[in-house]
Amino acid sequence: MRDEYDFSKGKRGQFFNKEAKLNMPVYLEDEVLDYFASKAKLKGVDLNVMINDMLKKDIALIEGVN
């Protein structure tokens, strides 16, 4: 790395996008990940799709109770 960098020609906010969405990683415990990864593989479905579908069903159950 250099000791100093010249930002005098930089443009503030040039790459800012207020519509950008930050996707936060979700960390599953090893046993949970292994279980669902094997189930997704058996069903021939992407793990992300499977987990999102399950979470959507959980949301529907939670909302139905309230």
C-alpha atoms as a PDB file:
ATOM      1  CA  MET A   1       0.000   0.000   0.000  1.00  0.00           C
ATOM      2  CA  ARG A   2       1.070   3.550  -0.574  1.00  0.00           C
ATOM      3  CA  ASP A   3       1.685   5.926   2.301  1.00  0.00           C
ATOM      4  CA  GLU A   4      -0.750   8.440   0.772  1.00  0.00           C
ATOM      5  CA  TYR A   5      -3.463   8.436  -1.887  1.00  0.00           C
ATOM      6  CA  ASP A   6      -4.657  11.413  -3.951  1.00  0.00           C
ATOM      7  CA  PHE A   7      -8.434  11.794  -3.850  1.00  0.00           C
ATOM      8  CA  SER A   8      -8.450  15.398  -5.111  1.00  0.00           C
ATOM      9  CA  LYS A   9     -10.174  14.362  -8.371  1.00  0.00           C
ATOM     10  CA  GLY A  10     -12.613  12.035  -6.660  1.00  0.00           C
ATOM     11  CA  LYS A  11     -16.359  12.618  -6.886  1.00  0.00           C
ATOM     12  CA  ARG A  12     -18.336  12.242  -3.683  1.00  0.00           C
ATOM     13  CA  GLY A  13     -21.274   9.876  -4.026  1.00  0.00           C
ATOM     14  CA  GLN A  14     -20.368   8.775  -7.543  1.00  0.00           C
ATOM     15  CA  PHE A  15     -21.302   5.166  -6.829  1.00  0.00           C
ATOM     16  CA  PHE A  16     -24.039   5.813  -4.247  1.00  0.00           C
ATOM     17  CA  ASN A  17     -27.376   4.250  -5.076  1.00  0.00           C
ATOM     18  CA  LYS A  18     -30.199   4.863  -2.634  1.00  0.00           C
ATOM     19  CA  GLU A  19     -32.097   1.942  -4.173  1.00  0.00           C
ATOM     20  CA  ALA A  20     -29.287  -0.504  -3.404  1.00  0.00           C
ATOM     21  CA  LYS A  21     -30.259  -3.324  -1.084  1.00  0.00           C
ATOM     22  CA  LEU A  22     -27.881  -4.899   1.387  1.00  0.00           C
ATOM     23  CA  ASN A  23     -28.259  -8.666   1.607  1.00  0.00           C
ATOM     24  CA  MET A  24     -27.193  -9.732   5.062  1.00  0.00           C
ATOM     25  CA  PRO A  25     -25.632 -13.176   5.353  1.00  0.00           C
ATOM     26  CA  VAL A  26     -27.381 -15.669   7.580  1.00  0.00           C
ATOM     27  CA  TYR A  27     -25.147 -18.152   9.353  1.00  0.00           C
ATOM     28  CA  LEU A  28     -26.678 -21.522  10.103  1.00  0.00           C
ATOM     29  CA  GLU A  29     -25.315 -23.964  12.621  1.00  0.00           C
ATOM     30  CA  ASP A  30     -23.413 -26.811  10.991  1.00  0.00           C
ATOM     31  CA  GLU A  31     -25.977 -29.475  11.858  1.00  0.00           C
ATOM     32  CA  VAL A  32     -28.844 -27.332  10.541  1.00  0.00           C
ATOM     33  CA  LEU A  33     -26.997 -26.517   7.323  1.00  0.00           C
ATOM     34  CA  ASP A  34     -26.014 -30.148   6.759  1.00  0.00           C
ATOM     35  CA  TYR A  35     -29.585 -31.333   7.303  1.00  0.00           C
ATOM     36  CA  PHE A  36     -31.204 -28.862   4.929  1.00  0.00           C
ATOM     37  CA  ALA A  37     -28.435 -29.141   2.343  1.00  0.00           C
ATOM     38  CA  SER A  38     -28.975 -32.897   2.154  1.00  0.00           C
ATOM     39  CA  LYS A  39     -32.776 -32.483   1.938  1.00  0.00           C
ATOM     40  CA  ALA A  40     -32.447 -29.866  -0.797  1.00  0.00           C
ATOM     41  CA  LYS A  41     -30.092 -32.113  -2.748  1.00  0.00           C
ATOM     42  CA  LEU A  42     -32.491 -35.071  -2.475  1.00  0.00           C
ATOM     43  CA  LYS A  43     -35.346 -32.913  -3.753  1.00  0.00           C
ATOM     44  CA  GLY A  44     -33.199 -31.391  -6.494  1.00  0.00           C
ATOM     45  CA  VAL A  45     -33.899 -27.887  -5.274  1.00  0.00           C
ATOM     46  CA  ASP A  46     -31.546 -25.011  -4.490  1.00  0.00           C
ATOM     47  CA  LEU A  47     -30.832 -24.662  -0.771  1.00  0.00           C
ATOM     48  CA  ASN A  48     -31.644 -20.925  -0.830  1.00  0.00           C
ATOM     49  CA  VAL A  49     -35.021 -21.584  -2.441  1.00  0.00           C
ATOM     50  CA  MET A  50     -35.842 -24.277   0.107  1.00  0.00           C
ATOM     51  CA  ILE A  51     -34.913 -22.145   3.120  1.00  0.00           C
ATOM     52  CA  ASN A  52     -36.775 -19.093   1.780  1.00  0.00           C
ATOM     53  CA  ASP A  53     -39.904 -21.164   1.127  1.00  0.00           C
ATOM     54  CA  MET A  54     -39.798 -22.532   4.659  1.00  0.00           C
ATOM     55  CA  LEU A  55     -39.327 -19.076   6.160  1.00  0.00           C
ATOM     56  CA  LYS A  56     -42.248 -17.716   4.122  1.00  0.00           C
ATOM     57  CA  LYS A  57     -44.430 -20.505   5.507  1.00  0.00           C
ATOM     58  CA  ASP A  58     -43.271 -19.641   9.027  1.00  0.00           C
ATOM     59  CA  ILE A  59     -44.147 -15.980   8.425  1.00  0.00           C
ATOM     60  CA  ALA A  60     -47.630 -17.000   7.263  1.00  0.00           C
ATOM     61  CA  LEU A  61     -48.081 -19.111  10.402  1.00  0.00           C
ATOM     62  CA  ILE A  62     -46.903 -16.297  12.668  1.00  0.00           C
ATOM     63  CA  GLU A  63     -49.119 -13.739  10.956  1.00  0.00           C
ATOM     64  CA  GLY A  64     -52.086 -16.121  11.094  1.00  0.00           C
ATOM     65  CA  VAL A  65     -51.738 -16.458  14.870  1.00  0.00           C
ATOM     66  CA  ASN A  66     -51.632 -12.712  15.544  1.00  0.00           C
END
